[in-house]
PDB file of all heavy atoms in Angstrom:
ATOM      1  N   VAL A   1       0.837  -1.201   0.000  1.00  0.00           N
ATOM      2  CA  VAL A   1       0.000   0.000   0.000  1.00  0.00           C
ATOM      3  C   VAL A   1       0.870   1.248   0.000  1.00  0.00           C
ATOM      4  O   VAL A   1       0.607   2.217  -0.726  1.00  0.00           O
ATOM      5  CB  VAL A   1      -0.952  -0.009   1.215  1.00  0.00           C
ATOM      6  CG1 VAL A   1      -1.631   1.326   1.397  1.00  0.00           C
ATOM      7  CG2 VAL A   1      -1.985  -1.103   1.054  1.00  0.00           C
ATOM      8  N   ILE A   2       1.942   1.237   0.788  1.00  0.00           N
ATOM      9  CA  ILE A   2       2.839   2.391   0.855  1.00  0.00           C
ATOM     10  C   ILE A   2       3.494   2.646  -0.499  1.00  0.00           C
ATOM     11  O   ILE A   2       3.562   3.790  -0.964  1.00  0.00           O
ATOM     12  CB  ILE A   2       3.906   2.172   1.952  1.00  0.00           C
ATOM     13  CG1 ILE A   2       3.252   2.239   3.330  1.00  0.00           C
ATOM     14  CG2 ILE A   2       5.024   3.195   1.842  1.00  0.00           C
ATOM     15  CD1 ILE A   2       4.154   1.797   4.458  1.00  0.00           C
ATOM     16  N   THR A   3       3.949   1.585  -1.153  1.00  0.00           N
ATOM     17  CA  THR A   3       4.587   1.785  -2.466  1.00  0.00           C
ATOM     18  C   THR A   3       3.590   2.286  -3.500  1.00  0.00           C
ATOM     19  O   THR A   3       3.948   3.087  -4.363  1.00  0.00           O
ATOM     20  CB  THR A   3       5.238   0.492  -2.975  1.00  0.00           C
ATOM     21  OG1 THR A   3       4.257  -0.545  -3.025  1.00  0.00           O
ATOM     22  CG2 THR A   3       6.388   0.082  -2.092  1.00  0.00           C
ATOM     23  N   GLN A   4       2.345   1.828  -3.413  1.00  0.00           N
ATOM     24  CA  GLN A   4       1.341   2.335  -4.341  1.00  0.00           C
ATOM     25  C   GLN A   4       1.068   3.809  -4.092  1.00  0.00           C
ATOM     26  O   GLN A   4       0.882   4.581  -5.035  1.00  0.00           O
ATOM     27  CB  GLN A   4       0.044   1.531  -4.210  1.00  0.00           C
ATOM     28  CG  GLN A   4       0.170   0.142  -4.773  1.00  0.00           C
ATOM     29  CD  GLN A   4      -1.053  -0.713  -4.497  1.00  0.00           C
ATOM     30  OE1 GLN A   4      -1.918  -0.329  -3.723  1.00  0.00           O
ATOM     31  NE2 GLN A   4      -1.112  -1.879  -5.100  1.00  0.00           N
ATOM     32  N   HIS A   5       1.083   4.227  -2.843  1.00  0.00           N
ATOM     33  CA  HIS A   5       0.887   5.648  -2.539  1.00  0.00           C
ATOM     34  C   HIS A   5       2.049   6.479  -3.043  1.00  0.00           C
ATOM     35  O   HIS A   5       1.861   7.600  -3.510  1.00  0.00           O
ATOM     36  CB  HIS A   5       0.732   5.844  -1.034  1.00  0.00           C
ATOM     37  CG  HIS A   5      -0.606   5.431  -0.525  1.00  0.00           C
ATOM     38  ND1 HIS A   5      -1.008   5.675   0.748  1.00  0.00           N
ATOM     39  CD2 HIS A   5      -1.637   4.784  -1.112  1.00  0.00           C
ATOM     40  CE1 HIS A   5      -2.223   5.208   0.931  1.00  0.00           C
ATOM     41  NE2 HIS A   5      -2.622   4.649  -0.195  1.00  0.00           N
ATOM     42  N   ARG A   6       3.265   5.944  -2.950  1.00  0.00           N
ATOM     43  CA  ARG A   6       4.432   6.695  -3.392  1.00  0.00           C
ATOM     44  C   ARG A   6       4.460   6.850  -4.900  1.00  0.00           C
ATOM     45  O   ARG A   6       5.054   7.782  -5.425  1.00  0.00           O
ATOM     46  CB  ARG A   6       5.710   6.012  -2.915  1.00  0.00           C
ATOM     47  CG  ARG A   6       5.847   6.076  -1.400  1.00  0.00           C
ATOM     48  CD  ARG A   6       7.182   5.739  -0.965  1.00  0.00           C
ATOM     49  NE  ARG A   6       8.083   6.824  -1.317  1.00  0.00           N
ATOM     50  CZ  ARG A   6       9.350   6.842  -1.036  1.00  0.00           C
ATOM     51  NH1 ARG A   6       9.882   5.848  -0.396  1.00  0.00           N
ATOM     52  NH2 ARG A   6      10.117   7.854  -1.377  1.00  0.00           N
ATOM     53  N   MET A   7       3.819   5.927  -5.617  1.00  0.00           N
ATOM     54  CA  MET A   7       3.825   5.995  -7.079  1.00  0.00           C
ATOM     55  C   MET A   7       2.743   6.928  -7.604  1.00  0.00           C
ATOM     56  O   MET A   7       2.773   7.302  -8.771  1.00  0.00           O
ATOM     57  CB  MET A   7       3.636   4.595  -7.676  1.00  0.00           C
ATOM     58  CG  MET A   7       4.825   3.697  -7.435  1.00  0.00           C
ATOM     59  SD  MET A   7       4.805   2.069  -8.208  1.00  0.00           S
ATOM     60  CE  MET A   7       3.134   1.671  -8.496  1.00  0.00           C
ATOM     61  N   GLU A   8       1.796   7.322  -6.750  1.00  0.00           N
ATOM     62  CA  GLU A   8       0.733   8.206  -7.204  1.00  0.00           C
ATOM     63  C   GLU A   8       1.285   9.610  -7.448  1.00  0.00           C
ATOM     64  O   GLU A   8       2.123  10.095  -6.712  1.00  0.00           O
ATOM     65  CB  GLU A   8      -0.383   8.280  -6.159  1.00  0.00           C
ATOM     66  CG  GLU A   8      -1.181   7.014  -6.048  1.00  0.00           C
ATOM     67  CD  GLU A   8      -2.269   7.107  -4.993  1.00  0.00           C
ATOM     68  OE1 GLU A   8      -2.493   8.205  -4.452  1.00  0.00           O
ATOM     69  OE2 GLU A   8      -2.871   6.076  -4.700  1.00  0.00           O
ATOM     70  N   SER A   9       0.806  10.238  -8.490  1.00  0.00           N
ATOM     71  CA  SER A   9       1.236  11.583  -8.819  1.00  0.00           C
ATOM     72  C   SER A   9       0.103  12.551  -8.521  1.00  0.00           C
ATOM     73  O   SER A   9      -1.023  12.364  -8.974  1.00  0.00           O
ATOM     74  CB  SER A   9       1.613  11.666 -10.300  1.00  0.00           C
ATOM     75  OG  SER A   9       1.944  12.989 -10.625  1.00  0.00           O
ATOM     76  N   TYR A  10       0.422  13.584  -7.775  1.00  0.00           N
ATOM     77  CA  TYR A  10      -0.591  14.562  -7.402  1.00  0.00           C
ATOM     78  C   TYR A  10      -0.448  15.856  -8.204  1.00  0.00           C
ATOM     79  O   TYR A  10      -1.131  16.828  -7.918  1.00  0.00           O
ATOM     80  CB  TYR A  10      -0.497  14.876  -5.909  1.00  0.00           C
ATOM     81  CG  TYR A  10      -0.786  13.674  -5.049  1.00  0.00           C
ATOM     82  CD1 TYR A  10       0.225  13.012  -4.372  1.00  0.00           C
ATOM     83  CD2 TYR A  10      -2.077  13.203  -4.923  1.00  0.00           C
ATOM     84  CE1 TYR A  10      -0.051  11.904  -3.588  1.00  0.00           C
ATOM     85  CE2 TYR A  10      -2.364  12.097  -4.143  1.00  0.00           C
ATOM     86  CZ  TYR A  10      -1.353  11.454  -3.475  1.00  0.00           C
ATOM     87  OH  TYR A  10      -1.630  10.371  -2.714  1.00  0.00           O
ATOM     88  N   LYS A  11       0.422  15.867  -9.201  1.00  0.00           N
ATOM     89  CA  LYS A  11       0.645  17.087  -9.980  1.00  0.00           C
ATOM     90  C   LYS A  11      -0.616  17.537 -10.714  1.00  0.00           C
ATOM     91  O   LYS A  11      -0.906  18.720 -10.796  1.00  0.00           O
ATOM     92  CB  LYS A  11       1.770  16.870 -10.991  1.00  0.00           C
ATOM     93  CG  LYS A  11       3.121  16.762 -10.367  1.00  0.00           C
ATOM     94  CD  LYS A  11       4.182  16.571 -11.428  1.00  0.00           C
ATOM     95  CE  LYS A  11       5.548  16.439 -10.808  1.00  0.00           C
ATOM     96  NZ  LYS A  11       6.566  16.193 -11.817  1.00  0.00           N
ATOM     97  N   ASP A  12      -1.343  16.582 -11.264  1.00  0.00           N
ATOM     98  CA  ASP A  12      -2.514  16.926 -12.078  1.00  0.00           C
ATOM     99  C   ASP A  12      -3.808  16.958 -11.267  1.00  0.00           C
ATOM    100  O   ASP A  12      -4.858  17.266 -11.816  1.00  0.00           O
ATOM    101  CB  ASP A  12      -2.659  15.917 -13.221  1.00  0.00           C
ATOM    102  CG  ASP A  12      -1.433  15.918 -14.113  1.00  0.00           C
ATOM    103  OD1 ASP A  12      -0.800  16.988 -14.232  1.00  0.00           O
ATOM    104  OD2 ASP A  12      -1.109  14.858 -14.680  1.00  0.00           O
ATOM    105  N   ASP A  13      -3.742  16.625 -10.002  1.00  0.00           N
ATOM    106  CA  ASP A  13      -4.952  16.588  -9.182  1.00  0.00           C
ATOM    107  C   ASP A  13      -5.361  18.005  -8.809  1.00  0.00           C
ATOM    108  O   ASP A  13      -4.563  18.795  -8.309  1.00  0.00           O
ATOM    109  CB  ASP A  13      -4.697  15.772  -7.919  1.00  0.00           C
ATOM    110  CG  ASP A  13      -5.975  15.370  -7.214  1.00  0.00           C
ATOM    111  OD1 ASP A  13      -7.037  15.902  -7.580  1.00  0.00           O
ATOM    112  OD2 ASP A  13      -5.904  14.521  -6.312  1.00  0.00           O
ATOM    113  N   GLU A  14      -6.618  18.329  -9.056  1.00  0.00           N
ATOM    114  CA  GLU A  14      -7.095  19.696  -8.812  1.00  0.00           C
ATOM    115  C   GLU A  14      -7.236  20.017  -7.335  1.00  0.00           C
ATOM    116  O   GLU A  14      -7.301  21.183  -6.954  1.00  0.00           O
ATOM    117  CB  GLU A  14      -8.433  19.897  -9.512  1.00  0.00           C
ATOM    118  CG  GLU A  14      -9.543  19.018  -8.968  1.00  0.00           C
ATOM    119  CD  GLU A  14     -10.826  19.135  -9.774  1.00  0.00           C
ATOM    120  OE1 GLU A  14     -10.744  19.187 -11.013  1.00  0.00           O
ATOM    121  OE2 GLU A  14     -11.887  19.164  -9.140  1.00  0.00           O
ATOM    122  N   TRP A  15      -7.271  18.995  -6.489  1.00  0.00           N
ATOM    123  CA  TRP A  15      -7.459  19.230  -5.053  1.00  0.00           C
ATOM    124  C   TRP A  15      -6.141  19.514  -4.337  1.00  0.00           C
ATOM    125  O   TRP A  15      -6.135  19.863  -3.159  1.00  0.00           O
ATOM    126  CB  TRP A  15      -8.141  18.024  -4.412  1.00  0.00           C
ATOM    127  CG  TRP A  15      -9.536  17.852  -4.913  1.00  0.00           C
ATOM    128  CD1 TRP A  15      -9.979  16.952  -5.830  1.00  0.00           C
ATOM    129  CD2 TRP A  15     -10.677  18.625  -4.551  1.00  0.00           C
ATOM    130  NE1 TRP A  15     -11.310  17.086  -6.058  1.00  0.00           N
ATOM    131  CE2 TRP A  15     -11.774  18.128  -5.275  1.00  0.00           C
ATOM    132  CE3 TRP A  15     -10.889  19.696  -3.687  1.00  0.00           C
ATOM    133  CZ2 TRP A  15     -13.050  18.654  -5.154  1.00  0.00           C
ATOM    134  CZ3 TRP A  15     -12.167  20.205  -3.574  1.00  0.00           C
ATOM    135  CH2 TRP A  15     -13.225  19.683  -4.295  1.00  0.00           C
ATOM    136  N   TYR A  16      -5.026  19.337  -5.018  1.00  0.00           N
ATOM    137  CA  TYR A  16      -3.730  19.579  -4.412  1.00  0.00           C
ATOM    138  C   TYR A  16      -3.087  20.804  -5.046  1.00  0.00           C
ATOM    139  O   TYR A  16      -3.121  20.969  -6.253  1.00  0.00           O
ATOM    140  CB  TYR A  16      -2.815  18.363  -4.589  1.00  0.00           C
ATOM    141  CG  TYR A  16      -3.241  17.194  -3.754  1.00  0.00           C
ATOM    142  CD1 TYR A  16      -4.071  16.209  -4.283  1.00  0.00           C
ATOM    143  CD2 TYR A  16      -2.834  17.077  -2.438  1.00  0.00           C
ATOM    144  CE1 TYR A  16      -4.482  15.140  -3.515  1.00  0.00           C
ATOM    145  CE2 TYR A  16      -3.234  16.011  -1.666  1.00  0.00           C
ATOM    146  CZ  TYR A  16      -4.053  15.046  -2.208  1.00  0.00           C
ATOM    147  OH  TYR A  16      -4.459  13.991  -1.447  1.00  0.00           O
ATOM    148  N   GLU A  17      -2.507  21.614  -4.206  1.00  0.00           N
ATOM    149  CA  GLU A  17      -1.826  22.813  -4.675  1.00  0.00           C
ATOM    150  C   GLU A  17      -0.351  22.685  -4.320  1.00  0.00           C
ATOM    151  O   GLU A  17       0.002  22.376  -3.185  1.00  0.00           O
ATOM    152  CB  GLU A  17      -2.420  24.046  -3.973  1.00  0.00           C
ATOM    153  CG  GLU A  17      -1.771  25.341  -4.376  1.00  0.00           C
ATOM    154  CD  GLU A  17      -2.415  26.513  -3.651  1.00  0.00           C
ATOM    155  OE1 GLU A  17      -3.648  26.557  -3.581  1.00  0.00           O
ATOM    156  OE2 GLU A  17      -1.659  27.356  -3.147  1.00  0.00           O
ATOM    157  N   GLN A  18       0.491  22.933  -5.290  1.00  0.00           N
ATOM    158  CA  GLN A  18       1.913  22.784  -5.068  1.00  0.00           C
ATOM    159  C   GLN A  18       2.421  23.965  -4.255  1.00  0.00           C
ATOM    160  O   GLN A  18       2.265  25.126  -4.642  1.00  0.00           O
ATOM    161  CB  GLN A  18       2.639  22.714  -6.409  1.00  0.00           C
ATOM    162  CG  GLN A  18       4.097  22.398  -6.260  1.00  0.00           C
ATOM    163  CD  GLN A  18       4.725  22.117  -7.615  1.00  0.00           C
ATOM    164  OE1 GLN A  18       4.059  22.144  -8.627  1.00  0.00           O
ATOM    165  NE2 GLN A  18       6.006  21.850  -7.610  1.00  0.00           N
ATOM    166  N   ALA A  19       3.013  23.661  -3.109  1.00  0.00           N
ATOM    167  CA  ALA A  19       3.481  24.718  -2.214  1.00  0.00           C
ATOM    168  C   ALA A  19       4.884  25.179  -2.610  1.00  0.00           C
ATOM    169  O   ALA A  19       5.162  26.373  -2.645  1.00  0.00           O
ATOM    170  CB  ALA A  19       3.473  24.224  -0.775  1.00  0.00           C
ATOM    171  N   THR A  20       5.773  24.247  -2.901  1.00  0.00           N
ATOM    172  CA  THR A  20       7.129  24.607  -3.298  1.00  0.00           C
ATOM    173  C   THR A  20       7.558  23.725  -4.458  1.00  0.00           C
ATOM    174  O   THR A  20       7.162  22.576  -4.565  1.00  0.00           O
ATOM    175  CB  THR A  20       8.135  24.397  -2.141  1.00  0.00           C
ATOM    176  OG1 THR A  20       8.083  23.019  -1.749  1.00  0.00           O
ATOM    177  CG2 THR A  20       7.811  25.283  -0.963  1.00  0.00           C
ATOM    178  N   ASP A  21       8.377  24.314  -5.311  1.00  0.00           N
ATOM    179  CA  ASP A  21       8.955  23.576  -6.424  1.00  0.00           C
ATOM    180  C   ASP A  21      10.464  23.726  -6.323  1.00  0.00           C
ATOM    181  O   ASP A  21      11.028  24.758  -6.693  1.00  0.00           O
ATOM    182  CB  ASP A  21       8.426  24.116  -7.746  1.00  0.00           C
ATOM    183  CG  ASP A  21       8.910  23.293  -8.924  1.00  0.00           C
ATOM    184  OD1 ASP A  21       9.487  22.209  -8.699  1.00  0.00           O
ATOM    185  OD2 ASP A  21       8.703  23.733 -10.066  1.00  0.00           O
ATOM    186  N   VAL A  22      11.110  22.714  -5.799  1.00  0.00           N
ATOM    187  CA  VAL A  22      12.537  22.774  -5.514  1.00  0.00           C
ATOM    188  C   VAL A  22      13.349  22.936  -6.793  1.00  0.00           C
ATOM    189  O   VAL A  22      14.336  23.678  -6.821  1.00  0.00           O
ATOM    190  CB  VAL A  22      12.972  21.519  -4.733  1.00  0.00           C
ATOM    191  CG1 VAL A  22      14.465  21.522  -4.470  1.00  0.00           C
ATOM    192  CG2 VAL A  22      12.208  21.423  -3.419  1.00  0.00           C
ATOM    193  N   ARG A  23      12.958  22.279  -7.865  1.00  0.00           N
ATOM    194  CA  ARG A  23      13.710  22.376  -9.117  1.00  0.00           C
ATOM    195  C   ARG A  23      13.740  23.812  -9.642  1.00  0.00           C
ATOM    196  O   ARG A  23      14.789  24.318 -10.041  1.00  0.00           O
ATOM    197  CB  ARG A  23      13.114  21.458 -10.171  1.00  0.00           C
ATOM    198  CG  ARG A  23      13.388  20.008  -9.909  1.00  0.00           C
ATOM    199  CD  ARG A  23      12.869  19.140 -11.010  1.00  0.00           C
ATOM    200  NE  ARG A  23      13.106  17.743 -10.696  1.00  0.00           N
ATOM    201  CZ  ARG A  23      12.480  16.751 -11.256  1.00  0.00           C
ATOM    202  NH1 ARG A  23      11.570  16.981 -12.171  1.00  0.00           N
ATOM    203  NH2 ARG A  23      12.755  15.516 -10.921  1.00  0.00           N
ATOM    204  N   SER A  24      12.579  24.454  -9.648  1.00  0.00           N
ATOM    205  CA  SER A  24      12.551  25.835 -10.146  1.00  0.00           C
ATOM    206  C   SER A  24      13.329  26.761  -9.212  1.00  0.00           C
ATOM    207  O   SER A  24      13.972  27.711  -9.669  1.00  0.00           O
ATOM    208  CB  SER A  24      11.112  26.315 -10.310  1.00  0.00           C
ATOM    209  OG  SER A  24      10.455  26.370  -9.072  1.00  0.00           O
ATOM    210  N   GLN A  25      13.294  26.492  -7.912  1.00  0.00           N
ATOM    211  CA  GLN A  25      14.081  27.297  -6.981  1.00  0.00           C
ATOM    212  C   GLN A  25      15.579  27.133  -7.243  1.00  0.00           C
ATOM    213  O   GLN A  25      16.330  28.119  -7.238  1.00  0.00           O
ATOM    214  CB  GLN A  25      13.760  26.901  -5.532  1.00  0.00           C
ATOM    215  CG  GLN A  25      12.370  27.306  -5.089  1.00  0.00           C
ATOM    216  CD  GLN A  25      12.019  26.782  -3.713  1.00  0.00           C
ATOM    217  OE1 GLN A  25      12.778  26.007  -3.122  1.00  0.00           O
ATOM    218  NE2 GLN A  25      10.874  27.200  -3.210  1.00  0.00           N
ATOM    219  N   LEU A  26      16.013  25.899  -7.495  1.00  0.00           N
ATOM    220  CA  LEU A  26      17.427  25.662  -7.798  1.00  0.00           C
ATOM    221  C   LEU A  26      17.834  26.347  -9.096  1.00  0.00           C
ATOM    222  O   LEU A  26      18.917  26.948  -9.184  1.00  0.00           O
ATOM    223  CB  LEU A  26      17.709  24.160  -7.877  1.00  0.00           C
ATOM    224  CG  LEU A  26      17.731  23.408  -6.553  1.00  0.00           C
ATOM    225  CD1 LEU A  26      17.881  21.915  -6.797  1.00  0.00           C
ATOM    226  CD2 LEU A  26      18.858  23.904  -5.669  1.00  0.00           C
ATOM    227  N   LYS A  27      16.984  26.266 -10.120  1.00  0.00           N
ATOM    228  CA  LYS A  27      17.289  26.940 -11.387  1.00  0.00           C
ATOM    229  C   LYS A  27      17.392  28.445 -11.184  1.00  0.00           C
ATOM    230  O   LYS A  27      18.267  29.103 -11.750  1.00  0.00           O
ATOM    231  CB  LYS A  27      16.213  26.621 -12.433  1.00  0.00           C
ATOM    232  CG  LYS A  27      16.276  25.222 -12.958  1.00  0.00           C
ATOM    233  CD  LYS A  27      15.182  24.969 -13.967  1.00  0.00           C
ATOM    234  CE  LYS A  27      15.192  23.530 -14.438  1.00  0.00           C
ATOM    235  NZ  LYS A  27      14.084  23.255 -15.367  1.00  0.00           N
ATOM    236  N   PHE A  28      16.512  29.000 -10.361  1.00  0.00           N
ATOM    237  CA  PHE A  28      16.548  30.433 -10.084  1.00  0.00           C
ATOM    238  C   PHE A  28      17.859  30.818  -9.412  1.00  0.00           C
ATOM    239  O   PHE A  28      18.505  31.802  -9.790  1.00  0.00           O
ATOM    240  CB  PHE A  28      15.352  30.821  -9.202  1.00  0.00           C
ATOM    241  CG  PHE A  28      15.345  32.240  -8.774  1.00  0.00           C
ATOM    242  CD1 PHE A  28      15.024  33.255  -9.669  1.00  0.00           C
ATOM    243  CD2 PHE A  28      15.675  32.586  -7.473  1.00  0.00           C
ATOM    244  CE1 PHE A  28      15.026  34.582  -9.281  1.00  0.00           C
ATOM    245  CE2 PHE A  28      15.683  33.910  -7.071  1.00  0.00           C
ATOM    246  CZ  PHE A  28      15.354  34.909  -7.978  1.00  0.00           C
ATOM    247  N   PHE A  29      18.279  30.037  -8.417  1.00  0.00           N
ATOM    248  CA  PHE A  29      19.549  30.347  -7.733  1.00  0.00           C
ATOM    249  C   PHE A  29      20.743  30.173  -8.654  1.00  0.00           C
ATOM    250  O   PHE A  29      21.720  30.943  -8.579  1.00  0.00           O
ATOM    251  CB  PHE A  29      19.715  29.483  -6.479  1.00  0.00           C
ATOM    252  CG  PHE A  29      18.813  29.890  -5.347  1.00  0.00           C
ATOM    253  CD1 PHE A  29      17.980  28.978  -4.738  1.00  0.00           C
ATOM    254  CD2 PHE A  29      18.802  31.201  -4.877  1.00  0.00           C
ATOM    255  CE1 PHE A  29      17.148  29.354  -3.696  1.00  0.00           C
ATOM    256  CE2 PHE A  29      17.983  31.588  -3.837  1.00  0.00           C
ATOM    257  CZ  PHE A  29      17.152  30.662  -3.244  1.00  0.00           C
ATOM    258  N   GLU A  30      20.700  29.191  -9.547  1.00  0.00           N
ATOM    259  CA  GLU A  30      21.785  29.025 -10.517  1.00  0.00           C
ATOM    260  C   GLU A  30      21.860  30.231 -11.448  1.00  0.00           C
ATOM    261  O   GLU A  30      22.947  30.716 -11.776  1.00  0.00           O
ATOM    262  CB  GLU A  30      21.584  27.735 -11.320  1.00  0.00           C
ATOM    263  CG  GLU A  30      21.850  26.482 -10.518  1.00  0.00           C
ATOM    264  CD  GLU A  30      21.483  25.222 -11.280  1.00  0.00           C
ATOM    265  OE1 GLU A  30      20.961  25.323 -12.419  1.00  0.00           O
ATOM    266  OE2 GLU A  30      21.704  24.136 -10.731  1.00  0.00           O
ATOM    267  N   GLN A  31      20.714  30.727 -11.895  1.00  0.00           N
ATOM    268  CA  GLN A  31      20.697  31.916 -12.747  1.00  0.00           C
ATOM    269  C   GLN A  31      21.245  33.121 -11.987  1.00  0.00           C
ATOM    270  O   GLN A  31      22.001  33.930 -12.547  1.00  0.00           O
ATOM    271  CB  GLN A  31      19.280  32.209 -13.235  1.00  0.00           C
ATOM    272  CG  GLN A  31      18.784  31.245 -14.273  1.00  0.00           C
ATOM    273  CD  GLN A  31      17.334  31.514 -14.651  1.00  0.00           C
ATOM    274  OE1 GLN A  31      16.661  32.340 -14.031  1.00  0.00           O
ATOM    275  NE2 GLN A  31      16.850  30.807 -15.663  1.00  0.00           N
ATOM    276  N   LEU A  32      20.868  33.265 -10.711  1.00  0.00           N
ATOM    277  CA  LEU A  32      21.400  34.368  -9.901  1.00  0.00           C
ATOM    278  C   LEU A  32      22.921  34.285  -9.797  1.00  0.00           C
ATOM    279  O   LEU A  32      23.614  35.309  -9.914  1.00  0.00           O
ATOM    280  CB  LEU A  32      20.793  34.346  -8.494  1.00  0.00           C
ATOM    281  CG  LEU A  32      19.416  34.956  -8.327  1.00  0.00           C
ATOM    282  CD1 LEU A  32      18.962  34.810  -6.887  1.00  0.00           C
ATOM    283  CD2 LEU A  32      19.431  36.423  -8.712  1.00  0.00           C
ATOM    284  N   GLU A  33      23.444  33.074  -9.577  1.00  0.00           N
ATOM    285  CA  GLU A  33      24.895  32.900  -9.484  1.00  0.00           C
ATOM    286  C   GLU A  33      25.574  33.250 -10.796  1.00  0.00           C
ATOM    287  O   GLU A  33      26.635  33.895 -10.805  1.00  0.00           O
ATOM    288  CB  GLU A  33      25.219  31.457  -9.089  1.00  0.00           C
ATOM    289  CG  GLU A  33      24.922  31.144  -7.642  1.00  0.00           C
ATOM    290  CD  GLU A  33      25.213  29.687  -7.304  1.00  0.00           C
ATOM    291  OE1 GLU A  33      25.679  28.926  -8.187  1.00  0.00           O
ATOM    292  OE2 GLU A  33      24.959  29.312  -6.154  1.00  0.00           O
ATOM    293  N   ARG A  34      24.984  32.821 -11.924  1.00  0.00           N
ATOM    294  CA  ARG A  34      25.561  33.158 -13.224  1.00  0.00           C
ATOM    295  C   ARG A  34      25.579  34.666 -13.461  1.00  0.00           C
ATOM    296  O   ARG A  34      26.576  35.237 -13.919  1.00  0.00           O
ATOM    297  CB  ARG A  34      24.773  32.469 -14.348  1.00  0.00           C
ATOM    298  CG  ARG A  34      25.303  31.091 -14.666  1.00  0.00           C
ATOM    299  CD  ARG A  34      24.683  30.527 -15.935  1.00  0.00           C
ATOM    300  NE  ARG A  34      23.750  29.482 -15.515  1.00  0.00           N
ATOM    301  CZ  ARG A  34      22.465  29.441 -15.794  1.00  0.00           C
ATOM    302  NH1 ARG A  34      21.919  30.370 -16.537  1.00  0.00           N
ATOM    303  NH2 ARG A  34      21.697  28.474 -15.362  1.00  0.00           N
ATOM    304  N   LEU A  35      24.467  35.338 -13.142  1.00  0.00           N
ATOM    305  CA  LEU A  35      24.413  36.793 -13.312  1.00  0.00           C
ATOM    306  C   LEU A  35      25.428  37.493 -12.418  1.00  0.00           C
ATOM    307  O   LEU A  35      26.101  38.457 -12.835  1.00  0.00           O
ATOM    308  CB  LEU A  35      23.001  37.309 -13.014  1.00  0.00           C
ATOM    309  CG  LEU A  35      21.922  36.943 -14.030  1.00  0.00           C
ATOM    310  CD1 LEU A  35      20.548  37.362 -13.514  1.00  0.00           C
ATOM    311  CD2 LEU A  35      22.221  37.600 -15.358  1.00  0.00           C
ATOM    312  N   GLU A  36      25.551  37.020 -11.188  1.00  0.00           N
ATOM    313  CA  GLU A  36      26.517  37.609 -10.250  1.00  0.00           C
ATOM    314  C   GLU A  36      27.939  37.408 -10.761  1.00  0.00           C
ATOM    315  O   GLU A  36      28.780  38.323 -10.706  1.00  0.00           O
ATOM    316  CB  GLU A  36      26.345  36.966  -8.865  1.00  0.00           C
ATOM    317  CG  GLU A  36      27.166  37.598  -7.779  1.00  0.00           C
ATOM    318  CD  GLU A  36      26.665  38.970  -7.397  1.00  0.00           C
ATOM    319  OE1 GLU A  36      25.468  39.260  -7.585  1.00  0.00           O
ATOM    320  OE2 GLU A  36      27.499  39.763  -6.927  1.00  0.00           O
ATOM    321  N   LYS A  37      28.218  36.219 -11.309  1.00  0.00           N
ATOM    322  CA  LYS A  37      29.550  35.944 -11.843  1.00  0.00           C
ATOM    323  C   LYS A  37      29.831  36.825 -13.065  1.00  0.00           C
ATOM    324  O   LYS A  37      30.937  37.377 -13.207  1.00  0.00           O
ATOM    325  CB  LYS A  37      29.657  34.466 -12.221  1.00  0.00           C
ATOM    326  CG  LYS A  37      31.045  34.062 -12.668  1.00  0.00           C
ATOM    327  CD  LYS A  37      31.114  32.593 -12.952  1.00  0.00           C
ATOM    328  CE  LYS A  37      32.500  32.236 -13.430  1.00  0.00           C
ATOM    329  NZ  LYS A  37      32.626  30.834 -13.793  1.00  0.00           N
TER     330      LYS A  37
END
C-alpha cells in the first residue's frame, strides 16, 4: 500500500496545490549565481 501511494502523482490533481517547487528554486539560484559571476 505504501509503495502504491508513493507511485501516485498529485501534480494533475485539482485538489492539491503545489506549495514549493525545488527544481525551479534551484534553477533560479543558478541563474542568480551566473548573473553575479
